[in-house]
N, C-alpha and C. Protein backbone atom coordinates (compact mmCIF):
# COMPACT_ATOMS: atom_id res chain seq x y z
N MET A 1 -16.92 -6.21 23.25
CA MET A 1 -16.51 -6.35 21.67
C MET A 1 -16.22 -8.03 22.29
N PRO A 2 -16.76 -8.80 23.21
CA PRO A 2 -16.09 -9.83 23.46
C PRO A 2 -15.54 -10.78 22.69
N GLN A 3 -15.44 -10.89 21.29
CA GLN A 3 -14.87 -11.90 20.10
C GLN A 3 -13.82 -11.01 19.57
N ILE A 4 -13.53 -10.07 19.96
CA ILE A 4 -12.77 -8.95 19.09
C ILE A 4 -11.06 -9.03 19.85
N GLU A 5 -10.92 -9.53 20.81
CA GLU A 5 -9.08 -10.27 20.75
C GLU A 5 -8.77 -11.47 19.98
N ARG A 6 -10.02 -12.28 19.99
CA ARG A 6 -9.83 -13.44 19.32
C ARG A 6 -9.66 -13.39 17.91
N LEU A 7 -10.62 -12.31 17.31
CA LEU A 7 -10.33 -11.97 15.90
C LEU A 7 -9.16 -11.44 15.20
N ILE A 8 -8.92 -10.90 16.65
CA ILE A 8 -7.16 -9.98 15.81
C ILE A 8 -6.19 -11.04 15.78
N ILE A 9 -6.41 -11.86 16.89
CA ILE A 9 -5.00 -13.13 17.18
C ILE A 9 -5.39 -13.89 15.49
N GLU A 10 -6.51 -14.25 15.54
CA GLU A 10 -6.99 -15.03 13.98
C GLU A 10 -5.99 -14.34 12.90
N ALA A 11 -6.67 -13.08 12.80
CA ALA A 11 -6.06 -12.68 11.60
C ALA A 11 -4.54 -12.31 11.63
N LEU A 12 -3.68 -12.28 12.71
CA LEU A 12 -2.13 -12.21 12.98
C LEU A 12 -1.56 -12.94 12.77
N THR A 13 -1.99 -14.48 12.85
CA THR A 13 -2.01 -15.73 12.21
C THR A 13 -1.47 -15.74 10.35
N ASP A 14 -2.48 -14.33 9.69
CA ASP A 14 -2.17 -14.98 8.86
C ASP A 14 -0.41 -14.16 8.20
N TYR A 15 0.28 -13.89 9.22
CA TYR A 15 1.65 -13.56 8.75
C TYR A 15 2.30 -14.50 9.95
N VAL A 16 2.02 -14.63 11.25
CA VAL A 16 2.77 -15.61 11.79
C VAL A 16 2.36 -16.29 12.82
N SER A 17 2.78 -17.40 13.67
CA SER A 17 2.24 -18.92 14.12
C SER A 17 1.40 -18.33 14.97
N PRO A 18 0.34 -18.51 15.52
CA PRO A 18 -0.63 -18.98 16.51
C PRO A 18 0.50 -18.21 17.86
N VAL A 19 1.01 -18.64 18.39
CA VAL A 19 2.16 -18.66 19.74
C VAL A 19 2.64 -16.70 19.43
N ALA A 20 3.46 -17.24 18.51
CA ALA A 20 4.05 -15.40 18.07
C ALA A 20 2.72 -14.32 18.14
N ALA A 21 1.72 -15.23 17.10
CA ALA A 21 0.35 -13.62 17.45
C ALA A 21 0.13 -12.99 18.97
N GLN A 22 -0.17 -14.38 19.57
CA GLN A 22 -0.82 -14.15 21.00
C GLN A 22 0.35 -13.10 21.60
N ASN A 23 1.91 -13.66 21.33
CA ASN A 23 2.79 -12.44 22.33
C ASN A 23 2.89 -11.30 21.36
N LEU A 24 3.00 -10.97 20.05
CA LEU A 24 2.95 -9.67 19.41
C LEU A 24 1.77 -8.57 19.72
N PHE A 25 0.23 -9.36 19.81
CA PHE A 25 -1.10 -8.86 20.68
C PHE A 25 -0.77 -8.10 22.29
N ASP A 26 0.14 -9.23 22.71
CA ASP A 26 0.21 -8.77 23.97
C ASP A 26 0.81 -7.40 24.20
N ARG A 27 2.42 -7.99 22.86
CA ARG A 27 2.94 -6.31 23.79
C ARG A 27 2.71 -5.35 23.48
N ALA A 28 1.73 -5.44 21.93
CA ALA A 28 1.35 -3.86 21.55
C ALA A 28 0.17 -3.52 22.72
N LEU A 29 -0.52 -4.00 23.61
CA LEU A 29 -1.42 -4.16 24.46
C LEU A 29 -0.87 -2.88 25.35
N ARG A 30 0.69 -3.40 25.87
CA ARG A 30 1.33 -3.35 26.84
C ARG A 30 1.61 -1.84 26.03
N ARG A 31 2.27 -1.72 25.09
CA ARG A 31 2.31 -0.25 24.77
C ARG A 31 1.37 0.28 24.78
N ALA A 32 0.64 -0.31 24.55
CA ALA A 32 -0.73 1.14 23.85
C ALA A 32 -1.03 1.40 25.54
N ALA A 33 -0.66 0.68 26.84
CA ALA A 33 -1.43 1.07 27.75
C ALA A 33 -2.82 1.24 28.17
N VAL A 34 -3.87 0.17 27.54
CA VAL A 34 -4.74 0.63 27.02
C VAL A 34 -5.68 -0.95 28.09
N ASN A 35 -6.92 -0.41 28.54
CA ASN A 35 -7.60 -1.66 29.21
C ASN A 35 -8.42 -2.47 28.18
N PRO A 36 -8.34 -3.76 27.50
CA PRO A 36 -9.40 -3.77 26.32
C PRO A 36 -10.50 -3.98 26.41
N GLU A 37 -10.60 -4.01 28.08
CA GLU A 37 -12.34 -4.19 28.82
C GLU A 37 -13.11 -3.15 28.10
N THR A 38 -12.59 -2.01 28.02
CA THR A 38 -13.00 -0.38 27.81
C THR A 38 -13.13 0.33 26.19
N LEU A 39 -12.18 -0.41 25.49
CA LEU A 39 -12.18 -0.10 24.36
C LEU A 39 -13.46 -0.73 23.36
N ASP A 40 -14.27 0.47 22.52
CA ASP A 40 -15.29 0.41 22.10
C ASP A 40 -14.57 -0.25 20.22
N ALA A 41 -15.66 -0.50 19.49
CA ALA A 41 -15.09 -0.19 17.51
C ALA A 41 -13.99 0.84 17.33
N ALA A 42 -14.00 2.02 17.90
CA ALA A 42 -12.85 3.23 17.38
C ALA A 42 -11.78 3.29 17.78
N GLY A 43 -12.19 2.45 19.31
CA GLY A 43 -10.61 2.29 20.56
C GLY A 43 -10.29 1.17 19.73
N TRP A 44 -10.90 0.00 18.99
CA TRP A 44 -10.36 -0.99 18.99
C TRP A 44 -9.03 -1.04 17.41
N LEU A 45 -9.72 0.28 16.31
CA LEU A 45 -9.53 0.65 15.13
C LEU A 45 -8.14 1.17 15.74
N ARG A 46 -8.17 2.46 16.89
CA ARG A 46 -6.98 3.01 16.97
C ARG A 46 -5.50 1.90 16.92
N PHE A 47 -6.19 1.04 18.20
CA PHE A 47 -5.25 0.05 18.52
C PHE A 47 -4.63 -0.92 17.62
N ILE A 48 -5.26 -1.52 16.39
CA ILE A 48 -4.80 -2.10 15.28
C ILE A 48 -4.04 -1.28 14.51
N THR A 49 -4.44 -0.14 13.86
CA THR A 49 -3.73 0.80 13.26
C THR A 49 -2.97 1.68 13.66
N GLY A 50 -2.33 1.41 14.93
CA GLY A 50 -0.96 2.09 15.21
C GLY A 50 -0.13 1.24 16.08
N PRO A 51 -0.29 0.88 17.87
CA PRO A 51 0.07 0.30 18.29
C PRO A 51 1.00 -1.72 17.60
N LEU A 52 -0.30 -1.92 17.36
CA LEU A 52 -0.81 -3.54 16.85
C LEU A 52 0.59 -2.97 15.14
N LEU A 53 0.17 -2.38 14.34
CA LEU A 53 0.48 -2.61 13.36
C LEU A 53 1.66 -2.05 13.69
N ASP A 54 2.31 -1.09 14.54
CA ASP A 54 3.47 -0.65 14.75
C ASP A 54 4.52 -1.92 15.22
N GLU A 55 3.96 -3.55 15.86
CA GLU A 55 4.97 -3.86 16.20
C GLU A 55 4.85 -5.04 15.38
N LEU A 56 4.08 -5.33 14.29
CA LEU A 56 4.01 -6.35 13.61
C LEU A 56 5.24 -5.57 12.01
N GLN A 57 5.55 -4.66 12.14
CA GLN A 57 6.10 -3.59 11.24
C GLN A 57 7.73 -4.26 11.54
N THR A 58 7.55 -4.37 12.46
CA THR A 58 9.16 -4.38 13.59
C THR A 58 9.84 -5.72 13.07
N ILE A 59 8.64 -7.07 12.74
CA ILE A 59 9.17 -8.16 11.81
C ILE A 59 9.10 -8.38 10.82
N LEU A 60 8.26 -7.68 10.11
CA LEU A 60 7.54 -7.83 8.49
C LEU A 60 7.93 -6.66 8.07
N PRO A 61 8.40 -7.07 6.77
CA PRO A 61 8.27 -5.64 6.17
C PRO A 61 7.08 -5.65 4.87
N ILE A 62 5.98 -5.22 6.04
CA ILE A 62 4.81 -4.72 5.33
C ILE A 62 4.29 -2.95 5.35
N ARG A 63 3.63 -3.13 4.64
CA ARG A 63 3.04 -1.25 4.99
C ARG A 63 2.01 -1.29 5.27
N GLU A 64 1.19 -2.13 4.60
CA GLU A 64 -0.39 -2.23 4.79
C GLU A 64 -0.65 -3.06 5.78
N PRO A 65 -1.74 -3.44 6.27
CA PRO A 65 -2.49 -4.49 6.43
C PRO A 65 -2.64 -5.04 4.91
N THR A 66 -3.35 -6.49 5.45
CA THR A 66 -3.76 -7.36 4.10
C THR A 66 -4.60 -8.26 5.03
N GLY A 67 -4.73 -8.89 3.72
CA GLY A 67 -6.16 -10.16 4.47
C GLY A 67 -7.25 -9.91 5.61
N SER A 68 -7.01 -11.14 6.27
CA SER A 68 -8.10 -11.24 7.30
C SER A 68 -7.84 -9.71 8.00
N LEU A 69 -6.42 -9.52 8.56
CA LEU A 69 -6.32 -8.30 9.02
C LEU A 69 -7.19 -6.76 8.41
N ARG A 70 -6.98 -6.79 7.29
CA ARG A 70 -7.67 -5.90 6.84
C ARG A 70 -9.03 -6.09 6.54
N ARG A 71 -9.67 -7.26 6.59
CA ARG A 71 -11.47 -6.73 6.81
C ARG A 71 -11.60 -6.45 7.87
N LEU A 72 -11.02 -6.79 8.94
CA LEU A 72 -11.69 -6.82 9.78
C LEU A 72 -11.53 -5.09 10.74
N ILE A 73 -10.48 -4.78 9.76
CA ILE A 73 -10.31 -3.19 9.90
C ILE A 73 -11.49 -2.40 9.55
N ARG A 74 -11.61 -2.95 8.25
CA ARG A 74 -12.79 -2.41 7.59
C ARG A 74 -14.53 -2.71 8.49
N SER A 75 -14.26 -3.78 9.29
CA SER A 75 -15.49 -4.05 10.25
C SER A 75 -15.90 -3.25 11.04
N LEU A 76 -14.42 -2.63 11.66
CA LEU A 76 -14.44 -2.26 12.80
C LEU A 76 -14.59 -0.12 12.66
N GLU A 77 -14.42 -0.07 11.37
CA GLU A 77 -14.63 0.96 10.43
C GLU A 77 -15.90 1.52 10.40
N GLU A 78 -16.44 0.24 9.68
CA GLU A 78 -17.97 0.54 9.67
C GLU A 78 -18.86 0.51 10.88
N SER A 79 -18.29 -0.23 11.87
CA SER A 79 -18.98 -0.11 13.10
C SER A 79 -18.61 1.18 13.84
N ALA A 80 -17.47 1.51 13.68
CA ALA A 80 -16.82 2.95 14.50
C ALA A 80 -17.92 4.02 14.16
N GLN A 81 -18.56 4.32 12.21
CA GLN A 81 -19.36 4.88 12.34
C GLN A 81 -20.66 5.35 12.77
N LYS A 82 -21.14 4.32 12.99
CA LYS A 82 -22.56 3.81 14.10
C LYS A 82 -22.24 4.77 15.51
N GLN A 83 -21.51 4.80 15.84
CA GLN A 83 -21.04 5.26 17.05
C GLN A 83 -21.37 7.02 16.92
N PRO A 84 -21.45 7.34 18.33
CA PRO A 84 -21.23 8.99 18.21
C PRO A 84 -19.93 9.48 17.68
N GLN A 85 -20.51 11.13 17.28
CA GLN A 85 -18.59 10.87 16.40
C GLN A 85 -17.87 12.14 17.27
N VAL A 86 -18.31 11.72 18.71
CA VAL A 86 -17.71 12.51 19.39
C VAL A 86 -16.39 11.38 19.91
N GLN A 87 -15.26 11.26 19.70
CA GLN A 87 -14.21 10.63 20.29
C GLN A 87 -13.06 11.43 20.49
N PRO A 88 -12.10 10.89 21.44
CA PRO A 88 -11.10 11.55 22.06
C PRO A 88 -10.06 11.12 20.59
N PRO A 89 -8.94 12.17 20.52
CA PRO A 89 -7.80 12.00 19.20
C PRO A 89 -6.98 10.81 19.48
N PRO A 90 -6.71 10.36 17.94
CA PRO A 90 -6.17 8.93 18.00
C PRO A 90 -4.79 9.19 18.36
N PRO A 91 -3.91 8.31 19.43
CA PRO A 91 -2.87 8.84 19.38
C PRO A 91 -1.97 9.19 18.69
N THR A 92 -0.73 9.55 18.70
CA THR A 92 0.36 9.90 17.92
C THR A 92 0.87 8.92 17.73
N ARG A 93 1.45 8.34 16.30
CA ARG A 93 2.03 7.45 16.11
C ARG A 93 3.29 7.51 15.84
N ARG A 94 3.98 6.56 16.96
CA ARG A 94 5.56 7.29 17.08
C ARG A 94 6.41 6.71 16.16
N GLY A 95 7.59 6.68 16.42
CA GLY A 95 8.96 6.36 15.19
C GLY A 95 8.85 4.63 16.17
N PRO A 96 10.10 4.06 15.13
CA PRO A 96 10.11 2.62 15.55
C PRO A 96 10.30 2.52 17.23
N PRO A 97 9.70 1.28 17.66
CA PRO A 97 9.74 1.06 18.99
C PRO A 97 10.98 0.74 19.77
N THR A 98 10.65 1.02 21.37
CA THR A 98 12.02 0.21 21.68
C THR A 98 12.50 -0.75 21.50
N ILE A 99 12.05 -2.11 20.61
CA ILE A 99 12.38 -3.12 20.65
C ILE A 99 13.37 -3.49 19.78
N ASN A 100 13.19 -2.29 19.21
CA ASN A 100 14.79 -2.11 18.55
C ASN A 100 15.70 -1.81 18.78
N ALA A 101 16.04 -1.09 20.63
CA ALA A 101 16.80 -0.32 20.65
C ALA A 101 17.52 -0.90 21.88
N PRO A 102 18.44 -1.26 22.40
CA PRO A 102 19.46 -0.77 22.06
C PRO A 102 20.20 -1.34 21.32
N ARG A 103 21.06 -0.75 20.15
CA ARG A 103 21.43 -1.67 19.18
C ARG A 103 22.92 -1.69 19.42
N LEU A 104 23.27 -3.25 19.22
CA LEU A 104 24.68 -3.43 19.76
C LEU A 104 25.19 -3.93 18.47
N GLN A 105 26.54 -2.99 17.89
CA GLN A 105 27.55 -2.91 16.71
C GLN A 105 28.29 -4.40 16.90
N ILE A 106 27.99 -4.92 16.12
CA ILE A 106 28.90 -5.91 15.80
C ILE A 106 30.28 -6.12 14.43
N ASP A 107 31.01 -6.30 14.91
CA ASP A 107 32.88 -6.16 13.92
C ASP A 107 32.41 -8.06 13.32
N LEU A 108 31.68 -7.68 11.96
CA LEU A 108 31.73 -8.62 11.54
C LEU A 108 32.78 -9.41 10.74
N ALA A 109 34.10 -8.60 11.07
CA ALA A 109 35.26 -8.85 10.35
C ALA A 109 35.86 -9.46 11.33
N ASP A 110 35.79 -9.31 12.92
CA ASP A 110 36.82 -9.48 13.93
C ASP A 110 36.02 -11.37 14.34
N PRO A 111 36.54 -11.99 14.24
CA PRO A 111 36.45 -13.52 14.57
C PRO A 111 36.10 -13.84 15.98
N ALA A 112 36.58 -13.11 16.70
CA ALA A 112 35.94 -13.10 18.34
C ALA A 112 35.25 -12.40 18.32
N ALA A 113 34.49 -11.39 17.57
CA ALA A 113 33.48 -10.70 17.79
C ALA A 113 32.31 -11.97 17.16
N ARG A 114 32.39 -12.01 16.34
CA ARG A 114 31.42 -13.10 15.75
C ARG A 114 31.40 -14.65 16.91
N GLU A 115 32.14 -14.55 17.26
CA GLU A 115 32.08 -15.95 18.41
C GLU A 115 30.91 -15.69 20.00
N ARG A 116 31.65 -14.54 20.31
CA ARG A 116 30.72 -13.84 21.36
C ARG A 116 29.22 -13.60 20.88
N MET A 117 28.88 -13.06 19.65
CA MET A 117 27.86 -13.24 19.29
C MET A 117 27.17 -14.51 18.93
N ALA A 118 27.51 -15.43 18.41
CA ALA A 118 27.04 -17.08 18.41
C ALA A 118 26.70 -17.34 19.26
N SER A 119 27.84 -17.09 20.81
CA SER A 119 27.97 -17.58 21.88
C SER A 119 26.18 -17.66 22.97
N ALA A 120 26.23 -16.17 22.84
CA ALA A 120 25.20 -15.31 23.75
C ALA A 120 24.04 -15.46 23.09
N LEU A 121 23.87 -15.77 21.74
CA LEU A 121 22.14 -16.12 21.12
C LEU A 121 21.90 -17.81 21.50
N ALA A 122 23.09 -18.85 21.66
CA ALA A 122 23.23 -19.97 21.40
C ALA A 122 22.34 -20.19 23.51
N ARG A 123 22.90 -18.88 24.36
CA ARG A 123 22.77 -18.76 25.22
C ARG A 123 21.32 -18.77 25.58
N GLU A 124 20.21 -17.78 24.91
CA GLU A 124 19.47 -17.45 25.18
C GLU A 124 18.43 -19.20 25.46
N GLU A 125 17.54 -18.64 26.72
CA GLU A 125 16.31 -20.17 26.80
C GLU A 125 15.95 -20.46 25.41
N GLY A 126 15.70 -21.73 25.66
CA GLY A 126 14.79 -22.38 24.59
C GLY A 126 15.67 -22.60 23.08
N VAL A 127 16.70 -21.96 23.34
CA VAL A 127 17.41 -21.93 21.54
C VAL A 127 18.35 -23.57 21.90
N SER A 128 17.90 -24.05 20.38
CA SER A 128 18.57 -25.58 20.27
C SER A 128 20.04 -25.27 18.95
N GLY A 129 20.12 -24.32 18.50
CA GLY A 129 21.20 -23.99 17.35
C GLY A 129 21.34 -22.17 16.79
N VAL A 130 22.51 -22.08 16.58
CA VAL A 130 22.21 -20.83 15.95
C VAL A 130 23.86 -20.54 14.94
N LEU A 131 23.74 -20.20 13.75
CA LEU A 131 24.56 -19.55 12.91
C LEU A 131 24.86 -18.87 12.28
N LEU A 132 26.15 -18.30 12.50
CA LEU A 132 26.25 -17.03 11.51
C LEU A 132 27.38 -17.18 10.34
N GLN A 133 26.70 -17.01 9.78
CA GLN A 133 27.58 -17.02 8.19
C GLN A 133 27.52 -16.51 7.36
N GLY A 134 29.14 -15.60 6.61
CA GLY A 134 29.33 -15.13 5.99
C GLY A 134 29.79 -15.45 4.80
N PRO A 135 30.35 -14.74 3.68
CA PRO A 135 31.05 -14.95 2.67
C PRO A 135 31.97 -16.22 3.01
N ASP A 136 33.18 -15.65 4.07
CA ASP A 136 34.42 -16.41 4.23
C ASP A 136 34.07 -16.85 5.58
N TYR A 137 33.06 -17.30 6.24
CA TYR A 137 33.26 -17.80 7.56
C TYR A 137 31.99 -17.90 8.00
N GLN A 138 32.09 -19.24 8.89
CA GLN A 138 30.78 -19.22 9.93
C GLN A 138 30.93 -19.80 10.80
N GLU A 139 29.98 -19.36 11.94
CA GLU A 139 30.27 -19.72 13.36
C GLU A 139 28.56 -20.19 13.28
N ALA A 140 29.21 -21.59 14.19
CA ALA A 140 27.93 -22.70 14.38
C ALA A 140 28.28 -22.92 15.96
N ARG A 141 26.93 -23.01 16.67
CA ARG A 141 26.63 -23.26 17.77
C ARG A 141 25.70 -24.38 18.36
N LEU A 142 26.04 -25.35 19.25
CA LEU A 142 25.12 -26.69 19.30
C LEU A 142 25.29 -27.79 18.30
N PRO A 143 24.55 -28.62 18.40
CA PRO A 143 24.72 -29.71 17.93
C PRO A 143 24.39 -30.22 16.71
N GLY A 144 24.23 -29.90 15.56
CA GLY A 144 23.41 -30.68 14.09
C GLY A 144 23.22 -28.95 13.31
N VAL A 145 23.73 -27.60 13.79
CA VAL A 145 23.18 -26.29 13.12
C VAL A 145 23.61 -26.43 12.02
N GLU A 146 25.28 -27.31 11.94
CA GLU A 146 26.01 -26.75 10.48
C GLU A 146 25.17 -27.50 9.72
N ASP A 147 24.82 -28.76 9.77
CA ASP A 147 24.02 -29.64 8.84
C ASP A 147 22.67 -28.24 7.97
N LEU A 148 22.47 -27.45 8.68
CA LEU A 148 20.70 -26.73 8.41
C LEU A 148 21.69 -25.74 7.28
N ALA A 149 23.14 -25.16 7.22
CA ALA A 149 24.02 -23.72 6.69
C ALA A 149 23.06 -23.96 5.60
N PRO A 150 23.54 -25.07 4.47
CA PRO A 150 23.03 -24.92 3.16
C PRO A 150 21.99 -24.23 2.68
N ILE A 151 20.58 -25.10 3.28
CA ILE A 151 19.39 -24.85 3.50
C ILE A 151 18.52 -23.45 4.05
N LEU A 152 19.66 -23.06 4.88
CA LEU A 152 19.35 -21.42 5.78
C LEU A 152 19.90 -20.59 4.78
N ALA A 153 20.97 -20.74 3.77
CA ALA A 153 21.77 -20.26 2.89
C ALA A 153 20.99 -19.50 1.96
N VAL A 154 20.00 -20.98 1.41
CA VAL A 154 19.61 -20.97 0.06
C VAL A 154 17.81 -20.32 0.73
N ALA A 155 17.83 -20.39 1.79
CA ALA A 155 16.56 -19.06 2.44
C ALA A 155 16.71 -18.01 2.24
N ASN A 156 17.58 -17.42 2.72
CA ASN A 156 18.23 -16.39 3.25
C ASN A 156 17.77 -15.46 1.29
N ASN A 157 18.86 -16.15 0.70
CA ASN A 157 19.09 -15.54 -0.62
C ASN A 157 17.46 -15.66 -1.81
N LEU A 158 16.69 -16.17 -1.31
CA LEU A 158 15.53 -16.18 -1.97
C LEU A 158 14.92 -15.22 -1.19
N LEU A 159 14.75 -14.95 0.26
CA LEU A 159 13.88 -13.85 1.11
C LEU A 159 14.55 -12.70 0.11
N GLN A 160 15.81 -12.27 -0.15
CA GLN A 160 16.45 -11.19 -0.01
C GLN A 160 15.92 -10.58 -1.81
N LYS A 161 15.76 -11.93 -2.39
CA LYS A 161 15.72 -11.84 -3.82
C LYS A 161 14.36 -11.56 -3.65
N GLN A 162 12.67 -11.72 -3.23
CA GLN A 162 11.42 -11.26 -3.22
C GLN A 162 11.83 -9.82 -2.90
N LYS A 163 12.65 -9.44 -1.91
CA LYS A 163 12.28 -8.34 -1.20
C LYS A 163 13.15 -8.48 0.47
N PRO A 164 14.29 -6.66 0.42
CA PRO A 164 14.47 -6.78 1.01
C PRO A 164 13.68 -7.40 2.49
N TYR A 165 14.32 -8.30 3.55
CA TYR A 165 13.27 -8.43 4.90
C TYR A 165 14.14 -8.06 6.29
N LYS A 166 13.67 -7.54 7.04
CA LYS A 166 13.96 -7.61 8.30
C LYS A 166 14.63 -8.91 9.33
N ILE A 167 13.32 -9.77 8.94
CA ILE A 167 13.31 -10.99 9.73
C ILE A 167 12.44 -11.96 9.59
N PHE A 168 12.70 -13.62 9.08
CA PHE A 168 11.65 -14.30 9.23
C PHE A 168 12.14 -15.21 9.87
N TYR A 169 10.74 -15.70 10.15
CA TYR A 169 10.64 -17.39 10.80
C TYR A 169 9.35 -18.01 10.69
N SER A 170 9.68 -19.44 10.77
CA SER A 170 8.82 -20.33 10.14
C SER A 170 8.83 -21.30 11.02
N VAL A 171 7.84 -22.02 11.23
CA VAL A 171 7.99 -23.54 12.09
C VAL A 171 8.75 -24.48 11.76
N PHE A 172 9.60 -25.15 12.03
CA PHE A 172 10.75 -25.91 11.47
C PHE A 172 10.71 -27.21 12.86
N GLY A 173 10.27 -28.47 12.18
CA GLY A 173 10.20 -29.78 13.12
C GLY A 173 9.60 -29.33 13.93
N ASP A 174 9.89 -29.85 15.18
CA ASP A 174 8.71 -29.49 16.27
C ASP A 174 9.11 -27.82 17.17
N GLY A 175 9.75 -27.38 16.03
CA GLY A 175 10.00 -25.75 16.99
C GLY A 175 9.94 -24.91 15.82
N HIS A 176 11.03 -23.37 16.05
CA HIS A 176 10.86 -22.60 15.33
C HIS A 176 12.54 -22.53 14.64
N VAL A 177 12.16 -21.73 13.40
CA VAL A 177 13.61 -20.90 12.68
C VAL A 177 13.60 -19.61 12.56
N LEU A 178 14.23 -19.07 12.79
CA LEU A 178 14.47 -17.54 12.45
C LEU A 178 15.65 -17.08 12.02
N ILE A 179 15.40 -15.98 10.74
CA ILE A 179 16.39 -16.04 10.22
C ILE A 179 16.45 -14.46 9.81
N ARG A 180 17.82 -13.81 10.45
CA ARG A 180 18.09 -12.23 10.26
C ARG A 180 19.50 -11.64 8.80
N PRO A 181 18.95 -10.97 8.04
CA PRO A 181 20.40 -10.51 6.88
C PRO A 181 21.06 -9.81 8.32
N LEU A 182 22.68 -9.76 8.30
CA LEU A 182 23.06 -8.82 8.69
C LEU A 182 24.40 -8.50 8.56
N GLY A 183 24.38 -7.47 7.84
CA GLY A 183 25.45 -6.72 6.61
C GLY A 183 25.54 -7.65 5.74
N SER A 184 27.04 -8.50 5.52
CA SER A 184 26.86 -9.37 4.32
C SER A 184 27.10 -10.78 5.03
N ALA A 185 26.56 -10.89 6.18
CA ALA A 185 26.00 -12.32 7.15
C ALA A 185 24.34 -12.24 7.04
N LEU A 186 24.36 -13.97 7.16
CA LEU A 186 23.05 -14.03 7.82
C LEU A 186 23.15 -14.82 9.09
N VAL A 187 22.25 -14.11 10.29
CA VAL A 187 22.37 -14.93 11.49
C VAL A 187 20.53 -15.73 11.55
N ALA A 188 20.68 -16.97 11.88
CA ALA A 188 19.96 -18.08 12.37
C ALA A 188 19.86 -18.82 13.47
N VAL A 189 18.79 -18.86 13.91
CA VAL A 189 18.46 -18.95 15.12
C VAL A 189 17.11 -20.18 15.51
N VAL A 190 17.65 -21.36 15.54
CA VAL A 190 16.47 -22.38 15.75
C VAL A 190 16.30 -22.56 16.86
N ALA A 191 14.83 -22.85 17.18
CA ALA A 191 14.60 -22.94 18.75
C ALA A 191 13.53 -23.52 18.98
N LYS A 192 13.37 -23.98 20.23
CA LYS A 192 12.34 -25.04 20.71
C LYS A 192 11.02 -24.43 20.82
N ARG A 193 9.75 -25.62 20.45
CA ARG A 193 8.31 -24.68 20.46
C ARG A 193 8.10 -23.78 21.51
N HIS A 194 8.72 -24.14 22.66
CA HIS A 194 8.17 -22.97 24.00
C HIS A 194 8.86 -22.11 24.15
N ALA A 195 9.91 -22.18 22.78
CA ALA A 195 11.00 -20.67 23.53
C ALA A 195 9.98 -19.11 23.01
N ASN A 196 10.36 -18.12 23.70
CA ASN A 196 9.85 -16.85 23.91
C ASN A 196 10.24 -16.77 22.29
N LEU A 197 9.18 -16.37 21.55
CA LEU A 197 9.58 -15.87 20.20
C LEU A 197 10.00 -14.36 19.70
N GLY A 198 9.16 -13.81 21.11
CA GLY A 198 9.16 -12.37 21.12
C GLY A 198 10.40 -11.62 21.16
N ARG A 199 10.74 -12.38 22.71
CA ARG A 199 12.23 -12.53 23.17
C ARG A 199 13.72 -12.50 22.33
N LEU A 200 13.28 -13.72 21.48
CA LEU A 200 14.24 -13.77 20.24
C LEU A 200 14.45 -12.99 19.34
N MET A 201 13.18 -12.62 18.77
CA MET A 201 13.25 -11.11 17.75
C MET A 201 14.07 -9.76 18.16
N HIS A 202 13.64 -9.86 19.62
CA HIS A 202 13.92 -8.38 19.91
C HIS A 202 15.85 -8.80 20.20
N VAL A 203 15.96 -9.67 20.54
CA VAL A 203 17.87 -9.92 20.37
C VAL A 203 17.95 -9.84 18.92
N LEU A 204 17.12 -10.57 18.12
CA LEU A 204 18.16 -10.44 16.88
C LEU A 204 18.23 -8.82 16.22
N ASN A 205 17.12 -8.78 16.30
CA ASN A 205 17.08 -6.83 15.99
C ASN A 205 17.80 -6.27 17.04
N SER A 206 18.57 -6.32 18.00
CA SER A 206 18.99 -5.43 18.89
C SER A 206 20.52 -5.48 18.23
N TYR A 207 21.05 -6.30 17.19
CA TYR A 207 22.79 -6.35 16.45
C TYR A 207 22.61 -5.60 15.36
N GLU A 208 23.51 -4.95 14.86
CA GLU A 208 23.80 -4.04 13.84
C GLU A 208 25.37 -4.58 13.32
N ALA A 209 25.50 -4.30 12.43
CA ALA A 209 26.92 -4.96 11.78
C ALA A 209 27.57 -3.70 11.90
N LYS A 210 29.09 -3.78 12.20
CA LYS A 210 29.79 -2.31 12.11
C LYS A 210 29.54 -1.66 10.83
N GLY A 211 29.73 -0.29 11.04
CA GLY A 211 29.63 0.07 9.74
C GLY A 211 28.09 0.96 9.67
N GLY A 212 27.12 0.32 10.71
CA GLY A 212 25.48 0.75 10.28
C GLY A 212 24.93 -0.19 9.23
N GLN A 213 25.24 -1.41 8.80
CA GLN A 213 24.75 -2.34 7.95
C GLN A 213 23.56 -2.83 9.09
N SER A 214 22.02 -3.09 8.97
CA SER A 214 21.24 -3.88 10.09
C SER A 214 20.80 -4.84 9.28
């Protein structure tokens, strides 16, 4: 299936940027520990509905594939039905992948803890701005990010009203912005276009508000 990888990545761009789609696909392949050159229709189907969907659900609050990804799954299901029915058993779906661990608890009521978190995020490669904003505090790192605080707060409120979300990101200027709710606060990271979004999502997902609010 020489075009299947391209079709999967194109389908993922319904959810994320092309660069993030490629990174997500690569992470899922590593997790599945399979050689893509050996996969047939049934193999690709197990990969998409297993490791790939698991990776996608770590960054977006979706339950089932939609749009192009769902159409691709249906096409693979049809192709798989035409293959000999002696197939190896599908891999057992595991719980949340290790991208969410370990969890780093932060006491949002502690100014020093907030400062350490903001500074640590600002040191990540490709990051050009960090904002940690709560009901009565704000930590900002790197020039200009404070000017974005009102916009990011509105975006967070809108996303929370539509549906509680885990992490959101979008193209922003010549780079990207990532927003994550954390307890009663929001954490935002502005990153350059060449930044490793998978790494930044991993870091943001690793934090947990003290008391268990993630």
